[in-house]
């Protein structure tokens, strides 16, 4: 049985040296490119069960297929079974949710968790029954979408 990796990284201390390393070295305005924010969109019914909102953040310039999105799930909302050609990383920013690789355990996730699904691994993720959940989705390849997660699958044994 395959298990997804879940890890949490320690937050860097905000010492003067760390803060200085985050500072920009140039003050010229033409070095910063502000891109317009695309509108939020409802998650397509073919990909999700329940109400889901997607905010695209970054799309790579071709040939890159980099995609970063903030995905907001209402309680009980979830993805359909899917996989990604080069894997997917989720960074949970708010709330509580669930993730499950096909044939694996349903794992509870919460704000601060980082989840990685390897290339080609079929999985689903979404909000817990009684919590909203937001995560950043980071991919660099194409998704393949499958069947919707049934209510019985969603309500399966959790760890």
N, C-alpha and C. Protein backbone atom coordinates (compact mmCIF):
# COMPACT_ATOMS: atom_id res chain seq x y z
N UNK A 1 0.85 -1.17 0.00
CA UNK A 1 0.00 0.00 0.00
C UNK A 1 0.90 1.24 0.00
N UNK A 2 0.65 2.13 -0.93
CA UNK A 2 1.45 3.35 -1.02
C UNK A 2 0.87 4.41 -0.13
N UNK A 3 1.73 5.18 0.49
CA UNK A 3 1.29 6.28 1.34
C UNK A 3 1.89 7.57 0.81
N UNK A 4 1.10 8.62 0.83
CA UNK A 4 1.60 9.94 0.43
C UNK A 4 2.49 10.48 1.54
N UNK A 5 3.45 11.26 1.14
CA UNK A 5 4.30 11.91 2.13
C UNK A 5 3.65 13.19 2.60
N UNK A 6 3.68 13.40 3.88
CA UNK A 6 3.19 14.65 4.46
C UNK A 6 4.31 15.17 5.32
N UNK A 7 4.69 16.41 5.09
CA UNK A 7 5.77 16.97 5.90
C UNK A 7 5.45 18.41 6.23
N UNK A 8 6.02 18.87 7.31
CA UNK A 8 5.88 20.28 7.70
C UNK A 8 7.29 20.83 7.88
N UNK A 9 7.54 21.99 7.36
CA UNK A 9 8.85 22.61 7.47
C UNK A 9 8.80 23.66 8.57
N UNK A 10 9.88 23.72 9.32
CA UNK A 10 9.97 24.71 10.38
C UNK A 10 10.04 26.11 9.77
N UNK A 11 9.43 27.04 10.40
CA UNK A 11 9.45 28.43 9.95
C UNK A 11 10.80 29.04 10.32
N UNK A 12 11.38 29.79 9.40
CA UNK A 12 12.66 30.45 9.67
C UNK A 12 12.45 31.55 10.70
N UNK A 13 13.38 31.70 11.62
CA UNK A 13 13.25 32.81 12.57
C UNK A 13 13.42 34.14 11.83
N UNK A 14 12.65 35.12 12.22
CA UNK A 14 12.71 36.42 11.54
C UNK A 14 13.76 37.31 12.20
N UNK A 15 15.00 36.86 12.10
CA UNK A 15 16.13 37.63 12.64
C UNK A 15 16.48 38.74 11.65
N UNK A 16 17.25 39.74 12.07
CA UNK A 16 17.65 40.80 11.14
C UNK A 16 18.37 40.25 9.90
N UNK A 17 19.19 39.21 10.07
CA UNK A 17 19.90 38.65 8.92
C UNK A 17 18.94 38.00 7.93
N UNK A 18 17.95 37.27 8.45
CA UNK A 18 16.96 36.62 7.57
C UNK A 18 16.12 37.69 6.87
N UNK A 19 15.66 38.68 7.62
CA UNK A 19 14.86 39.76 7.02
C UNK A 19 15.65 40.49 5.95
N UNK A 20 16.92 40.74 6.19
CA UNK A 20 17.76 41.42 5.22
C UNK A 20 17.91 40.59 3.95
N UNK A 21 17.97 39.26 4.09
CA UNK A 21 18.13 38.40 2.91
C UNK A 21 16.89 38.42 2.03
N UNK A 22 15.72 38.77 2.62
CA UNK A 22 14.49 38.84 1.84
C UNK A 22 14.33 40.18 1.13
N UNK A 23 15.09 41.17 1.54
CA UNK A 23 14.96 42.51 0.96
C UNK A 23 15.45 42.51 -0.49
N UNK A 24 14.82 43.34 -1.30
CA UNK A 24 15.29 43.46 -2.68
C UNK A 24 16.54 44.32 -2.71
N UNK A 25 17.37 44.06 -3.71
CA UNK A 25 18.61 44.81 -3.81
C UNK A 25 18.47 46.01 -4.74
N UNK A 26 17.35 46.13 -5.39
CA UNK A 26 17.15 47.24 -6.31
C UNK A 26 15.85 47.95 -5.95
N UNK A 27 15.86 49.25 -6.13
CA UNK A 27 14.65 50.02 -5.86
C UNK A 27 14.02 50.54 -7.14
N UNK A 28 14.57 50.16 -8.29
CA UNK A 28 14.00 50.62 -9.55
C UNK A 28 12.66 49.96 -9.80
N UNK A 29 11.65 50.78 -10.11
CA UNK A 29 10.31 50.26 -10.32
C UNK A 29 10.21 49.34 -11.53
N UNK A 30 11.07 49.55 -12.55
CA UNK A 30 10.96 48.75 -13.76
C UNK A 30 11.51 47.33 -13.57
N UNK A 31 12.02 46.99 -12.39
CA UNK A 31 12.49 45.63 -12.13
C UNK A 31 11.38 44.73 -11.61
N UNK A 32 10.24 45.29 -11.31
CA UNK A 32 9.13 44.52 -10.77
C UNK A 32 8.01 44.50 -11.81
N UNK A 33 7.53 43.29 -12.12
CA UNK A 33 6.44 43.17 -13.07
C UNK A 33 5.18 42.78 -12.30
N UNK A 34 4.21 43.67 -12.27
CA UNK A 34 2.94 43.38 -11.64
C UNK A 34 1.97 42.88 -12.71
N UNK A 35 1.50 41.67 -12.55
CA UNK A 35 0.58 41.09 -13.52
C UNK A 35 -0.84 41.22 -12.98
N UNK A 36 -1.80 41.39 -13.86
CA UNK A 36 -3.19 41.48 -13.39
C UNK A 36 -3.63 40.16 -12.77
N UNK A 37 -4.44 40.24 -11.73
CA UNK A 37 -4.93 39.04 -11.07
C UNK A 37 -6.12 38.50 -11.84
N UNK A 38 -6.02 37.23 -12.29
CA UNK A 38 -7.18 36.65 -12.97
C UNK A 38 -8.35 36.51 -11.99
N UNK A 39 -9.57 36.52 -12.48
CA UNK A 39 -10.72 36.38 -11.59
C UNK A 39 -10.80 34.98 -10.99
N UNK A 40 -11.38 34.88 -9.80
CA UNK A 40 -11.66 33.58 -9.21
C UNK A 40 -12.64 32.86 -10.10
N UNK A 41 -12.52 31.52 -10.14
CA UNK A 41 -13.46 30.75 -10.96
C UNK A 41 -13.95 29.53 -10.19
N UNK A 42 -15.20 29.14 -10.47
CA UNK A 42 -15.74 27.94 -9.87
C UNK A 42 -15.00 26.73 -10.43
N UNK A 43 -14.70 25.78 -9.55
CA UNK A 43 -14.10 24.53 -10.01
C UNK A 43 -15.08 23.78 -10.89
N UNK A 44 -14.64 23.28 -12.03
CA UNK A 44 -15.55 22.57 -12.94
C UNK A 44 -16.17 21.33 -12.30
N UNK A 45 -17.45 21.10 -12.56
CA UNK A 45 -18.16 19.95 -11.99
C UNK A 45 -17.54 18.62 -12.44
N UNK A 46 -16.86 18.60 -13.57
CA UNK A 46 -16.21 17.37 -14.03
C UNK A 46 -15.01 17.01 -13.16
N UNK A 47 -14.45 18.00 -12.44
CA UNK A 47 -13.25 17.76 -11.63
C UNK A 47 -13.55 17.70 -10.13
N UNK A 48 -14.68 18.25 -9.69
CA UNK A 48 -14.93 18.41 -8.26
C UNK A 48 -16.34 17.98 -7.87
N UNK A 49 -16.49 17.57 -6.63
CA UNK A 49 -17.79 17.37 -5.99
C UNK A 49 -17.91 18.47 -4.94
N UNK A 50 -19.01 19.20 -4.93
CA UNK A 50 -19.19 20.29 -3.99
C UNK A 50 -18.67 21.60 -4.57
N UNK A 51 -18.74 22.64 -3.74
CA UNK A 51 -18.36 23.97 -4.20
C UNK A 51 -16.87 24.22 -3.95
N UNK A 52 -16.17 24.53 -5.04
CA UNK A 52 -14.73 24.77 -5.01
C UNK A 52 -14.44 26.02 -5.82
N UNK A 53 -13.54 26.86 -5.31
CA UNK A 53 -13.12 28.07 -6.00
C UNK A 53 -11.63 27.99 -6.28
N UNK A 54 -11.23 28.42 -7.48
CA UNK A 54 -9.84 28.38 -7.89
C UNK A 54 -9.37 29.79 -8.22
N UNK A 55 -8.23 30.16 -7.64
CA UNK A 55 -7.57 31.43 -7.96
C UNK A 55 -6.22 31.12 -8.58
N UNK A 56 -6.08 31.26 -9.92
CA UNK A 56 -4.78 31.04 -10.54
C UNK A 56 -3.78 32.09 -10.03
N UNK A 57 -2.59 31.64 -9.69
CA UNK A 57 -1.55 32.55 -9.19
C UNK A 57 -0.44 32.70 -10.22
N UNK A 58 0.10 31.58 -10.68
CA UNK A 58 1.23 31.60 -11.63
C UNK A 58 0.99 30.57 -12.72
N UNK A 59 1.25 30.96 -13.94
CA UNK A 59 1.31 30.03 -15.07
C UNK A 59 2.66 30.26 -15.73
N UNK A 60 3.41 29.18 -15.93
CA UNK A 60 4.73 29.29 -16.54
C UNK A 60 4.65 29.72 -17.99
N UNK A 61 5.72 30.35 -18.45
CA UNK A 61 5.82 30.71 -19.87
C UNK A 61 6.24 29.46 -20.63
N UNK A 62 5.61 29.18 -21.80
CA UNK A 62 5.96 27.98 -22.56
C UNK A 62 7.47 27.92 -22.82
N UNK A 63 8.06 26.76 -22.75
CA UNK A 63 7.42 25.45 -22.73
C UNK A 63 7.04 24.96 -21.32
N UNK A 64 7.32 25.74 -20.29
CA UNK A 64 6.98 25.33 -18.93
C UNK A 64 5.47 25.14 -18.78
N UNK A 65 5.09 24.13 -18.02
CA UNK A 65 3.68 23.92 -17.70
C UNK A 65 3.42 24.19 -16.22
N UNK A 66 4.31 24.97 -15.60
CA UNK A 66 4.16 25.30 -14.19
C UNK A 66 2.80 25.95 -13.95
N UNK A 67 2.12 25.48 -12.92
CA UNK A 67 0.84 26.07 -12.54
C UNK A 67 0.76 26.09 -11.02
N UNK A 68 0.48 27.27 -10.47
CA UNK A 68 0.26 27.43 -9.03
C UNK A 68 -1.10 28.10 -8.87
N UNK A 69 -1.95 27.47 -8.06
CA UNK A 69 -3.29 28.01 -7.82
C UNK A 69 -3.64 27.87 -6.35
N UNK A 70 -4.42 28.83 -5.84
CA UNK A 70 -5.04 28.69 -4.53
C UNK A 70 -6.40 28.05 -4.78
N UNK A 71 -6.67 26.94 -4.08
CA UNK A 71 -7.92 26.21 -4.29
C UNK A 71 -8.65 26.17 -2.96
N UNK A 72 -9.90 26.66 -2.95
CA UNK A 72 -10.71 26.76 -1.73
C UNK A 72 -11.88 25.79 -1.81
N UNK A 73 -11.95 24.89 -0.83
CA UNK A 73 -12.98 23.87 -0.77
C UNK A 73 -13.95 24.19 0.36
N UNK A 74 -15.25 24.11 0.09
CA UNK A 74 -16.24 24.22 1.16
C UNK A 74 -16.30 22.86 1.87
N UNK A 75 -16.87 22.82 3.09
CA UNK A 75 -16.92 21.54 3.81
C UNK A 75 -17.51 20.41 2.94
N UNK A 76 -16.80 19.28 2.92
CA UNK A 76 -17.24 18.12 2.14
C UNK A 76 -16.87 18.15 0.67
N UNK A 77 -16.42 19.29 0.14
CA UNK A 77 -16.05 19.38 -1.28
C UNK A 77 -14.72 18.66 -1.49
N UNK A 78 -14.54 18.09 -2.69
CA UNK A 78 -13.34 17.31 -2.97
C UNK A 78 -13.11 17.21 -4.47
N UNK A 79 -11.89 16.83 -4.81
CA UNK A 79 -11.57 16.59 -6.21
C UNK A 79 -12.11 15.23 -6.63
N UNK A 80 -12.14 14.99 -7.92
CA UNK A 80 -12.34 13.65 -8.45
C UNK A 80 -10.97 12.94 -8.34
N UNK A 81 -10.95 11.64 -8.54
CA UNK A 81 -9.68 10.92 -8.63
C UNK A 81 -8.90 11.54 -9.79
N UNK A 82 -7.62 11.76 -9.60
CA UNK A 82 -6.80 12.33 -10.67
C UNK A 82 -5.34 12.01 -10.42
N UNK A 83 -4.54 12.22 -11.46
CA UNK A 83 -3.09 12.09 -11.35
C UNK A 83 -2.47 13.23 -12.14
N UNK A 84 -1.18 13.41 -11.94
CA UNK A 84 -0.44 14.47 -12.64
C UNK A 84 0.79 13.86 -13.28
N UNK A 85 1.08 14.26 -14.51
CA UNK A 85 2.19 13.65 -15.26
C UNK A 85 3.54 13.86 -14.59
N UNK A 86 3.70 14.94 -13.83
CA UNK A 86 4.98 15.18 -13.14
C UNK A 86 4.79 15.33 -11.63
N UNK A 87 3.64 14.90 -11.11
CA UNK A 87 3.38 14.99 -9.68
C UNK A 87 2.69 16.29 -9.30
N UNK A 88 2.32 16.38 -8.03
CA UNK A 88 1.64 17.56 -7.50
C UNK A 88 2.07 17.77 -6.05
N UNK A 89 2.30 19.03 -5.71
CA UNK A 89 2.56 19.39 -4.32
C UNK A 89 1.43 20.30 -3.86
N UNK A 90 0.93 20.00 -2.66
CA UNK A 90 -0.10 20.82 -2.03
C UNK A 90 0.49 21.44 -0.78
N UNK A 91 0.24 22.73 -0.59
CA UNK A 91 0.61 23.40 0.66
C UNK A 91 -0.69 23.93 1.26
N UNK A 92 -1.10 23.34 2.38
CA UNK A 92 -2.37 23.70 3.00
C UNK A 92 -2.18 25.02 3.74
N UNK A 93 -2.97 26.02 3.37
CA UNK A 93 -2.82 27.36 3.97
C UNK A 93 -3.87 27.66 5.03
N UNK A 94 -5.01 26.94 4.99
CA UNK A 94 -6.07 27.24 5.94
C UNK A 94 -7.01 26.05 6.06
N UNK A 95 -7.52 25.83 7.25
CA UNK A 95 -8.57 24.84 7.45
C UNK A 95 -8.07 23.43 7.66
N UNK A 96 -8.96 22.48 7.38
CA UNK A 96 -8.67 21.06 7.58
C UNK A 96 -9.23 20.28 6.40
N UNK A 97 -8.48 19.29 5.97
CA UNK A 97 -8.90 18.53 4.81
C UNK A 97 -8.46 17.09 4.87
N UNK A 98 -8.60 16.43 3.73
CA UNK A 98 -8.29 15.02 3.59
C UNK A 98 -7.57 14.80 2.27
N UNK A 99 -6.73 13.77 2.24
CA UNK A 99 -6.07 13.36 1.00
C UNK A 99 -5.95 11.84 1.03
N UNK A 100 -6.06 11.22 -0.16
CA UNK A 100 -5.93 9.78 -0.23
C UNK A 100 -5.34 9.36 -1.56
N UNK A 101 -4.24 8.58 -1.54
CA UNK A 101 -3.77 7.96 -2.77
C UNK A 101 -4.60 6.70 -3.03
N UNK A 102 -4.77 6.31 -4.27
CA UNK A 102 -5.56 5.10 -4.57
C UNK A 102 -4.92 3.90 -3.88
N UNK A 103 -5.75 3.17 -3.13
CA UNK A 103 -5.26 2.00 -2.40
C UNK A 103 -4.61 2.33 -1.07
N UNK A 104 -4.54 3.61 -0.72
CA UNK A 104 -3.90 4.03 0.53
C UNK A 104 -4.90 4.52 1.55
N UNK A 105 -4.38 4.98 2.66
CA UNK A 105 -5.20 5.50 3.74
C UNK A 105 -5.68 6.92 3.45
N UNK A 106 -6.83 7.28 4.00
CA UNK A 106 -7.28 8.68 3.99
C UNK A 106 -6.52 9.36 5.12
N UNK A 107 -5.82 10.45 4.80
CA UNK A 107 -5.00 11.16 5.77
C UNK A 107 -5.57 12.54 6.01
N UNK A 108 -5.71 12.92 7.27
CA UNK A 108 -6.15 14.27 7.62
C UNK A 108 -5.00 15.24 7.42
N UNK A 109 -5.30 16.39 6.82
CA UNK A 109 -4.31 17.44 6.61
C UNK A 109 -4.84 18.73 7.20
N UNK A 110 -3.92 19.65 7.52
CA UNK A 110 -4.31 20.91 8.14
C UNK A 110 -3.32 22.00 7.72
N UNK A 111 -3.64 23.24 8.06
CA UNK A 111 -2.80 24.37 7.69
C UNK A 111 -1.35 24.11 8.08
N UNK A 112 -0.45 24.36 7.15
CA UNK A 112 0.98 24.15 7.35
C UNK A 112 1.49 22.85 6.79
N UNK A 113 0.61 21.90 6.48
CA UNK A 113 1.05 20.61 5.93
C UNK A 113 1.43 20.76 4.46
N UNK A 114 2.42 19.97 4.07
CA UNK A 114 2.86 19.89 2.68
C UNK A 114 2.68 18.44 2.26
N UNK A 115 1.95 18.24 1.17
CA UNK A 115 1.66 16.90 0.67
C UNK A 115 2.20 16.79 -0.74
N UNK A 116 2.88 15.67 -1.03
CA UNK A 116 3.40 15.45 -2.39
C UNK A 116 2.83 14.16 -2.95
N UNK A 117 2.21 14.25 -4.11
CA UNK A 117 1.75 13.08 -4.86
C UNK A 117 2.73 12.89 -6.01
N UNK A 118 3.42 11.75 -6.06
CA UNK A 118 4.39 11.52 -7.14
C UNK A 118 3.73 11.46 -8.52
N UNK A 119 4.54 11.59 -9.55
CA UNK A 119 4.06 11.52 -10.93
C UNK A 119 3.25 10.25 -11.14
N UNK A 120 2.08 10.41 -11.74
CA UNK A 120 1.25 9.27 -12.10
C UNK A 120 0.45 8.65 -10.97
N UNK A 121 0.58 9.13 -9.74
CA UNK A 121 -0.17 8.55 -8.63
C UNK A 121 -1.59 9.09 -8.60
N UNK A 122 -2.57 8.19 -8.65
CA UNK A 122 -3.97 8.57 -8.58
C UNK A 122 -4.31 8.90 -7.14
N UNK A 123 -4.99 10.02 -6.94
CA UNK A 123 -5.30 10.50 -5.60
C UNK A 123 -6.47 11.48 -5.66
N UNK A 124 -6.98 11.83 -4.50
CA UNK A 124 -7.97 12.90 -4.37
C UNK A 124 -7.65 13.68 -3.10
N UNK A 125 -8.19 14.89 -3.01
CA UNK A 125 -8.04 15.72 -1.82
C UNK A 125 -9.20 16.69 -1.75
N UNK A 126 -9.50 17.14 -0.52
CA UNK A 126 -10.60 18.08 -0.35
C UNK A 126 -10.75 18.46 1.11
N UNK A 127 -11.84 19.16 1.39
CA UNK A 127 -12.11 19.65 2.74
C UNK A 127 -12.70 18.54 3.60
N UNK A 128 -12.49 18.66 4.90
CA UNK A 128 -13.11 17.77 5.87
C UNK A 128 -14.62 18.05 5.88
N UNK A 129 -15.38 17.16 6.52
CA UNK A 129 -16.84 17.30 6.56
C UNK A 129 -17.31 18.64 7.13
N UNK A 130 -16.62 19.14 8.14
CA UNK A 130 -17.12 20.32 8.84
C UNK A 130 -16.12 21.48 8.88
N UNK A 131 -15.21 21.52 7.91
CA UNK A 131 -14.24 22.61 7.82
C UNK A 131 -14.04 23.01 6.36
N UNK A 132 -13.79 24.28 6.17
CA UNK A 132 -13.29 24.74 4.87
C UNK A 132 -11.82 24.34 4.79
N UNK A 133 -11.26 24.28 3.59
CA UNK A 133 -9.83 24.01 3.44
C UNK A 133 -9.34 24.74 2.19
N UNK A 134 -8.21 25.41 2.34
CA UNK A 134 -7.55 26.07 1.22
C UNK A 134 -6.14 25.52 1.10
N UNK A 135 -5.73 25.22 -0.12
CA UNK A 135 -4.34 24.82 -0.35
C UNK A 135 -3.82 25.49 -1.62
N UNK A 136 -2.50 25.60 -1.68
CA UNK A 136 -1.85 25.96 -2.92
C UNK A 136 -1.56 24.67 -3.66
N UNK A 137 -1.91 24.60 -4.92
CA UNK A 137 -1.62 23.46 -5.77
C UNK A 137 -0.47 23.86 -6.68
N UNK A 138 0.60 23.06 -6.66
CA UNK A 138 1.79 23.35 -7.46
C UNK A 138 2.04 22.15 -8.37
N UNK A 139 1.95 22.38 -9.68
CA UNK A 139 2.16 21.31 -10.65
C UNK A 139 3.04 21.83 -11.78
N UNK A 140 3.61 20.90 -12.54
CA UNK A 140 4.39 21.26 -13.72
C UNK A 140 4.15 20.23 -14.81
N UNK A 141 2.92 19.85 -14.98
CA UNK A 141 2.57 18.85 -15.99
C UNK A 141 1.07 18.81 -16.15
N UNK A 142 0.63 17.84 -16.90
CA UNK A 142 -0.78 17.74 -17.21
C UNK A 142 -1.51 16.81 -16.25
N UNK A 143 -2.74 17.18 -15.82
CA UNK A 143 -3.54 16.28 -15.01
C UNK A 143 -4.33 15.32 -15.90
N UNK A 144 -4.65 14.18 -15.33
CA UNK A 144 -5.58 13.23 -15.94
C UNK A 144 -6.70 13.03 -14.93
N UNK A 145 -7.93 13.29 -15.34
CA UNK A 145 -9.08 13.22 -14.43
C UNK A 145 -9.82 11.92 -14.60
N UNK A 146 -10.28 11.37 -13.47
CA UNK A 146 -11.01 10.12 -13.46
C UNK A 146 -12.39 10.28 -12.85
N UNK A 147 -12.88 9.21 -12.26
CA UNK A 147 -14.21 9.19 -11.66
C UNK A 147 -14.27 10.08 -10.43
N UNK A 148 -15.49 10.52 -10.12
CA UNK A 148 -15.71 11.26 -8.88
C UNK A 148 -15.53 10.34 -7.69
N UNK A 149 -15.04 10.91 -6.59
CA UNK A 149 -14.92 10.17 -5.33
C UNK A 149 -16.33 9.99 -4.78
N UNK A 150 -16.71 8.76 -4.51
CA UNK A 150 -18.06 8.51 -4.00
C UNK A 150 -18.16 8.95 -2.55
N UNK A 151 -19.39 9.09 -2.06
CA UNK A 151 -19.58 9.43 -0.65
C UNK A 151 -19.00 8.33 0.25
N UNK A 152 -19.14 7.07 -0.14
CA UNK A 152 -18.57 5.97 0.66
C UNK A 152 -17.05 6.07 0.70
N UNK A 153 -16.41 6.38 -0.43
CA UNK A 153 -14.95 6.53 -0.44
C UNK A 153 -14.54 7.70 0.45
N UNK A 154 -15.27 8.82 0.32
CA UNK A 154 -14.95 10.02 1.10
C UNK A 154 -15.09 9.77 2.60
N UNK A 155 -16.08 9.01 2.98
CA UNK A 155 -16.34 8.75 4.40
C UNK A 155 -15.61 7.52 4.94
N UNK A 156 -14.66 6.99 4.17
CA UNK A 156 -13.91 5.82 4.59
C UNK A 156 -13.10 6.08 5.86
N UNK A 157 -12.47 5.02 6.34
CA UNK A 157 -11.67 5.11 7.59
C UNK A 157 -10.55 6.13 7.41
N UNK A 158 -10.41 6.99 8.41
CA UNK A 158 -9.41 8.07 8.34
C UNK A 158 -8.36 7.87 9.41
N UNK A 159 -7.17 8.33 9.11
CA UNK A 159 -6.12 8.30 10.13
C UNK A 159 -5.53 9.67 10.30
